[in-house]
Amino acid sequence: MFLDGDAEPGVPEGLVIVGRFESPSEAQIAKGMLESAGVECFLVGENANSLLPAAFRVRLQVRVEDEAAARELMAQSAGGLAGEGIAEG
């Protein structure tokens, strides 16, 4: 089980984490917003979060070349869809 401070599984090569969310529904909203802007993205940990929300965060990943656009879109969104903090790469 991963807890705060535990290392996360590695991010696949070519992808970066741009957001972590406590709620799968918040992650889906962010994913939909990015996809509607043409940014392909992926959610990781959505099912684990449903089982143990306090232990897992849903991570939103995008391709490295889309990172800047994704971060800008999330920062501009109403309410800031950055989850509990945007990861730095």
N, C-alpha and C. Protein backbone atom coordinates (compact mmCIF):
# COMPACT_ATOMS: atom_id res chain seq x y z
N MET A 1 0.85 -1.17 0.00
CA MET A 1 0.00 0.00 0.00
C MET A 1 0.89 1.23 0.00
N PHE A 2 0.52 2.24 -0.77
CA PHE A 2 1.28 3.48 -0.84
C PHE A 2 0.66 4.50 0.09
N LEU A 3 1.47 5.09 0.93
CA LEU A 3 1.02 6.13 1.84
C LEU A 3 1.79 7.40 1.52
N ASP A 4 1.40 8.49 2.14
CA ASP A 4 2.13 9.74 1.92
C ASP A 4 3.60 9.51 2.17
N GLY A 5 4.42 9.94 1.23
CA GLY A 5 5.86 9.78 1.37
C GLY A 5 6.40 8.53 0.72
N ASP A 6 5.55 7.53 0.43
CA ASP A 6 6.01 6.32 -0.24
C ASP A 6 6.27 6.62 -1.70
N ALA A 7 7.21 5.91 -2.26
CA ALA A 7 7.51 6.09 -3.68
C ALA A 7 6.34 5.54 -4.50
N GLU A 8 6.02 6.24 -5.57
CA GLU A 8 4.97 5.79 -6.48
C GLU A 8 5.60 4.91 -7.54
N PRO A 9 4.80 4.04 -8.16
CA PRO A 9 5.33 3.29 -9.30
C PRO A 9 5.81 4.28 -10.36
N GLY A 10 6.80 3.89 -11.11
CA GLY A 10 7.37 4.78 -12.11
C GLY A 10 6.36 5.18 -13.18
N VAL A 11 6.53 6.36 -13.69
CA VAL A 11 5.70 6.86 -14.79
C VAL A 11 6.29 6.30 -16.08
N PRO A 12 5.45 5.77 -16.97
CA PRO A 12 5.98 5.25 -18.23
C PRO A 12 6.76 6.32 -19.00
N GLU A 13 7.78 5.87 -19.70
CA GLU A 13 8.61 6.79 -20.46
C GLU A 13 7.75 7.58 -21.45
N GLY A 14 8.01 8.86 -21.54
CA GLY A 14 7.27 9.71 -22.46
C GLY A 14 6.04 10.35 -21.86
N LEU A 15 5.71 10.01 -20.59
CA LEU A 15 4.55 10.59 -19.91
C LEU A 15 5.00 11.32 -18.66
N VAL A 16 4.23 12.32 -18.25
CA VAL A 16 4.47 13.05 -17.00
C VAL A 16 3.15 13.19 -16.26
N ILE A 17 3.24 13.29 -14.95
CA ILE A 17 2.04 13.51 -14.11
C ILE A 17 1.80 15.01 -14.03
N VAL A 18 0.59 15.44 -14.37
CA VAL A 18 0.26 16.86 -14.29
C VAL A 18 -0.76 17.16 -13.20
N GLY A 19 -1.29 16.14 -12.55
CA GLY A 19 -2.23 16.37 -11.46
C GLY A 19 -2.48 15.10 -10.66
N ARG A 20 -2.78 15.29 -9.38
CA ARG A 20 -3.17 14.19 -8.49
C ARG A 20 -4.49 14.61 -7.84
N PHE A 21 -5.42 13.67 -7.77
CA PHE A 21 -6.76 13.99 -7.29
C PHE A 21 -7.21 12.99 -6.24
N GLU A 22 -7.87 13.49 -5.21
CA GLU A 22 -8.46 12.61 -4.20
C GLU A 22 -9.71 11.92 -4.72
N SER A 23 -10.42 12.58 -5.61
CA SER A 23 -11.69 12.07 -6.11
C SER A 23 -11.58 11.65 -7.57
N PRO A 24 -11.98 10.42 -7.90
CA PRO A 24 -11.99 10.00 -9.30
C PRO A 24 -12.86 10.91 -10.17
N SER A 25 -13.94 11.44 -9.62
CA SER A 25 -14.81 12.31 -10.43
C SER A 25 -14.10 13.62 -10.78
N GLU A 26 -13.31 14.17 -9.87
CA GLU A 26 -12.53 15.37 -10.18
C GLU A 26 -11.50 15.07 -11.26
N ALA A 27 -10.89 13.91 -11.17
CA ALA A 27 -9.90 13.50 -12.17
C ALA A 27 -10.55 13.36 -13.54
N GLN A 28 -11.76 12.80 -13.58
CA GLN A 28 -12.48 12.64 -14.85
C GLN A 28 -12.82 14.01 -15.45
N ILE A 29 -13.18 14.96 -14.61
CA ILE A 29 -13.49 16.31 -15.10
C ILE A 29 -12.24 16.92 -15.74
N ALA A 30 -11.10 16.81 -15.06
CA ALA A 30 -9.85 17.36 -15.59
C ALA A 30 -9.48 16.64 -16.89
N LYS A 31 -9.63 15.34 -16.92
CA LYS A 31 -9.33 14.56 -18.12
C LYS A 31 -10.21 15.01 -19.29
N GLY A 32 -11.49 15.17 -19.04
CA GLY A 32 -12.41 15.61 -20.08
C GLY A 32 -12.09 17.00 -20.60
N MET A 33 -11.68 17.89 -19.69
CA MET A 33 -11.33 19.24 -20.10
C MET A 33 -10.10 19.21 -21.01
N LEU A 34 -9.09 18.43 -20.63
CA LEU A 34 -7.88 18.34 -21.47
C LEU A 34 -8.19 17.69 -22.81
N GLU A 35 -8.97 16.62 -22.80
CA GLU A 35 -9.30 15.94 -24.05
C GLU A 35 -10.10 16.85 -24.98
N SER A 36 -10.99 17.66 -24.43
CA SER A 36 -11.78 18.56 -25.27
C SER A 36 -10.90 19.64 -25.92
N ALA A 37 -9.73 19.88 -25.32
CA ALA A 37 -8.77 20.83 -25.89
C ALA A 37 -7.77 20.13 -26.80
N GLY A 38 -7.95 18.82 -27.01
CA GLY A 38 -7.08 18.09 -27.91
C GLY A 38 -5.84 17.50 -27.27
N VAL A 39 -5.78 17.47 -25.92
CA VAL A 39 -4.63 16.91 -25.22
C VAL A 39 -4.98 15.48 -24.80
N GLU A 40 -4.25 14.51 -25.35
CA GLU A 40 -4.48 13.11 -24.97
C GLU A 40 -3.95 12.90 -23.56
N CYS A 41 -4.73 12.24 -22.70
CA CYS A 41 -4.30 12.04 -21.33
C CYS A 41 -4.81 10.71 -20.79
N PHE A 42 -4.25 10.31 -19.67
CA PHE A 42 -4.52 9.01 -19.08
C PHE A 42 -4.68 9.14 -17.57
N LEU A 43 -5.60 8.37 -17.00
CA LEU A 43 -5.77 8.33 -15.55
C LEU A 43 -5.15 7.04 -15.02
N VAL A 44 -4.43 7.16 -13.91
CA VAL A 44 -3.79 6.02 -13.28
C VAL A 44 -4.22 5.98 -11.82
N GLY A 45 -4.60 4.81 -11.33
CA GLY A 45 -4.95 4.64 -9.93
C GLY A 45 -6.41 4.91 -9.62
N GLU A 46 -7.22 5.03 -10.64
CA GLU A 46 -8.63 5.35 -10.43
C GLU A 46 -9.34 4.25 -9.65
N ASN A 47 -9.08 3.00 -9.99
CA ASN A 47 -9.74 1.89 -9.29
C ASN A 47 -9.22 1.72 -7.88
N ALA A 48 -7.90 1.86 -7.68
CA ALA A 48 -7.34 1.75 -6.34
C ALA A 48 -7.89 2.83 -5.43
N ASN A 49 -8.08 4.03 -5.98
CA ASN A 49 -8.62 5.13 -5.20
C ASN A 49 -10.03 4.82 -4.74
N SER A 50 -10.80 4.13 -5.57
CA SER A 50 -12.17 3.79 -5.20
C SER A 50 -12.19 2.81 -4.03
N LEU A 51 -11.16 1.98 -3.93
CA LEU A 51 -11.10 1.01 -2.84
C LEU A 51 -10.60 1.63 -1.54
N LEU A 52 -9.55 2.43 -1.64
CA LEU A 52 -8.93 3.05 -0.46
C LEU A 52 -8.59 4.51 -0.75
N PRO A 53 -9.59 5.39 -0.72
CA PRO A 53 -9.36 6.79 -1.10
C PRO A 53 -8.27 7.48 -0.30
N ALA A 54 -8.13 7.16 0.97
CA ALA A 54 -7.14 7.86 1.79
C ALA A 54 -5.71 7.45 1.44
N ALA A 55 -5.55 6.29 0.82
CA ALA A 55 -4.21 5.78 0.54
C ALA A 55 -3.74 6.07 -0.88
N PHE A 56 -4.66 6.28 -1.80
CA PHE A 56 -4.29 6.43 -3.20
C PHE A 56 -4.86 7.71 -3.80
N ARG A 57 -4.11 8.30 -4.68
CA ARG A 57 -4.58 9.46 -5.44
C ARG A 57 -4.67 9.04 -6.90
N VAL A 58 -5.63 9.58 -7.61
CA VAL A 58 -5.74 9.35 -9.04
C VAL A 58 -4.75 10.30 -9.71
N ARG A 59 -3.89 9.76 -10.55
CA ARG A 59 -2.89 10.58 -11.22
C ARG A 59 -3.28 10.80 -12.68
N LEU A 60 -3.15 12.03 -13.12
CA LEU A 60 -3.46 12.41 -14.50
C LEU A 60 -2.14 12.59 -15.23
N GLN A 61 -1.97 11.81 -16.30
CA GLN A 61 -0.72 11.83 -17.06
C GLN A 61 -0.96 12.31 -18.49
N VAL A 62 0.02 13.02 -19.01
CA VAL A 62 -0.01 13.47 -20.41
C VAL A 62 1.35 13.18 -21.02
N ARG A 63 1.42 13.26 -22.34
CA ARG A 63 2.70 13.10 -23.04
C ARG A 63 3.60 14.30 -22.70
N VAL A 64 4.89 14.05 -22.68
CA VAL A 64 5.86 15.10 -22.33
C VAL A 64 5.65 16.34 -23.19
N GLU A 65 5.42 16.13 -24.48
CA GLU A 65 5.28 17.29 -25.38
C GLU A 65 3.99 18.09 -25.12
N ASP A 66 3.03 17.52 -24.40
CA ASP A 66 1.78 18.22 -24.07
C ASP A 66 1.76 18.80 -22.66
N GLU A 67 2.85 18.62 -21.92
CA GLU A 67 2.86 19.01 -20.51
C GLU A 67 2.57 20.49 -20.31
N ALA A 68 3.25 21.36 -21.03
CA ALA A 68 3.07 22.81 -20.83
C ALA A 68 1.63 23.22 -21.12
N ALA A 69 1.06 22.71 -22.22
CA ALA A 69 -0.32 23.05 -22.57
C ALA A 69 -1.28 22.54 -21.51
N ALA A 70 -1.06 21.32 -21.03
CA ALA A 70 -1.94 20.73 -20.01
C ALA A 70 -1.90 21.54 -18.72
N ARG A 71 -0.71 21.90 -18.29
CA ARG A 71 -0.58 22.68 -17.05
C ARG A 71 -1.25 24.05 -17.19
N GLU A 72 -1.08 24.66 -18.35
CA GLU A 72 -1.70 25.97 -18.58
C GLU A 72 -3.22 25.86 -18.57
N LEU A 73 -3.76 24.86 -19.25
CA LEU A 73 -5.22 24.66 -19.28
C LEU A 73 -5.77 24.41 -17.89
N MET A 74 -5.07 23.58 -17.11
CA MET A 74 -5.55 23.27 -15.77
C MET A 74 -5.46 24.49 -14.86
N ALA A 75 -4.43 25.30 -15.02
CA ALA A 75 -4.29 26.50 -14.20
C ALA A 75 -5.36 27.53 -14.52
N GLN A 76 -5.78 27.59 -15.80
CA GLN A 76 -6.79 28.56 -16.22
C GLN A 76 -8.21 28.13 -15.92
N SER A 77 -8.40 26.84 -15.63
CA SER A 77 -9.76 26.33 -15.43
C SER A 77 -10.39 26.94 -14.18
N ALA A 78 -11.70 27.07 -14.21
CA ALA A 78 -12.43 27.59 -13.06
C ALA A 78 -12.22 26.64 -11.89
N GLY A 79 -11.78 27.17 -10.77
CA GLY A 79 -11.56 26.34 -9.60
C GLY A 79 -10.20 25.65 -9.60
N GLY A 80 -9.43 25.79 -10.65
CA GLY A 80 -8.11 25.18 -10.71
C GLY A 80 -8.15 23.68 -10.57
N LEU A 81 -8.08 22.97 -11.66
CA LEU A 81 -8.19 21.52 -11.64
C LEU A 81 -6.85 20.84 -11.38
N ALA A 82 -6.06 21.39 -10.51
CA ALA A 82 -4.73 20.83 -10.27
C ALA A 82 -4.74 19.74 -9.21
N GLY A 83 -5.88 19.36 -8.70
CA GLY A 83 -5.91 18.33 -7.67
C GLY A 83 -5.21 18.83 -6.42
N GLU A 84 -4.48 17.96 -5.75
CA GLU A 84 -3.82 18.35 -4.51
C GLU A 84 -2.42 18.87 -4.77
N GLY A 85 -2.16 19.34 -5.93
CA GLY A 85 -0.85 19.88 -6.26
C GLY A 85 -0.34 19.25 -7.53
N ILE A 86 0.16 20.05 -8.40
CA ILE A 86 0.67 19.55 -9.67
C ILE A 86 2.08 19.06 -9.46
N ALA A 87 2.34 17.86 -9.92
CA ALA A 87 3.66 17.27 -9.81
C ALA A 87 4.65 18.01 -10.70
N GLU A 88 5.86 18.06 -10.29
CA GLU A 88 6.91 18.69 -11.09
C GLU A 88 7.67 17.62 -11.84
N GLY A 89 7.06 17.11 -12.92
CA GLY A 89 7.73 16.13 -13.77
C GLY A 89 7.77 14.85 -13.16
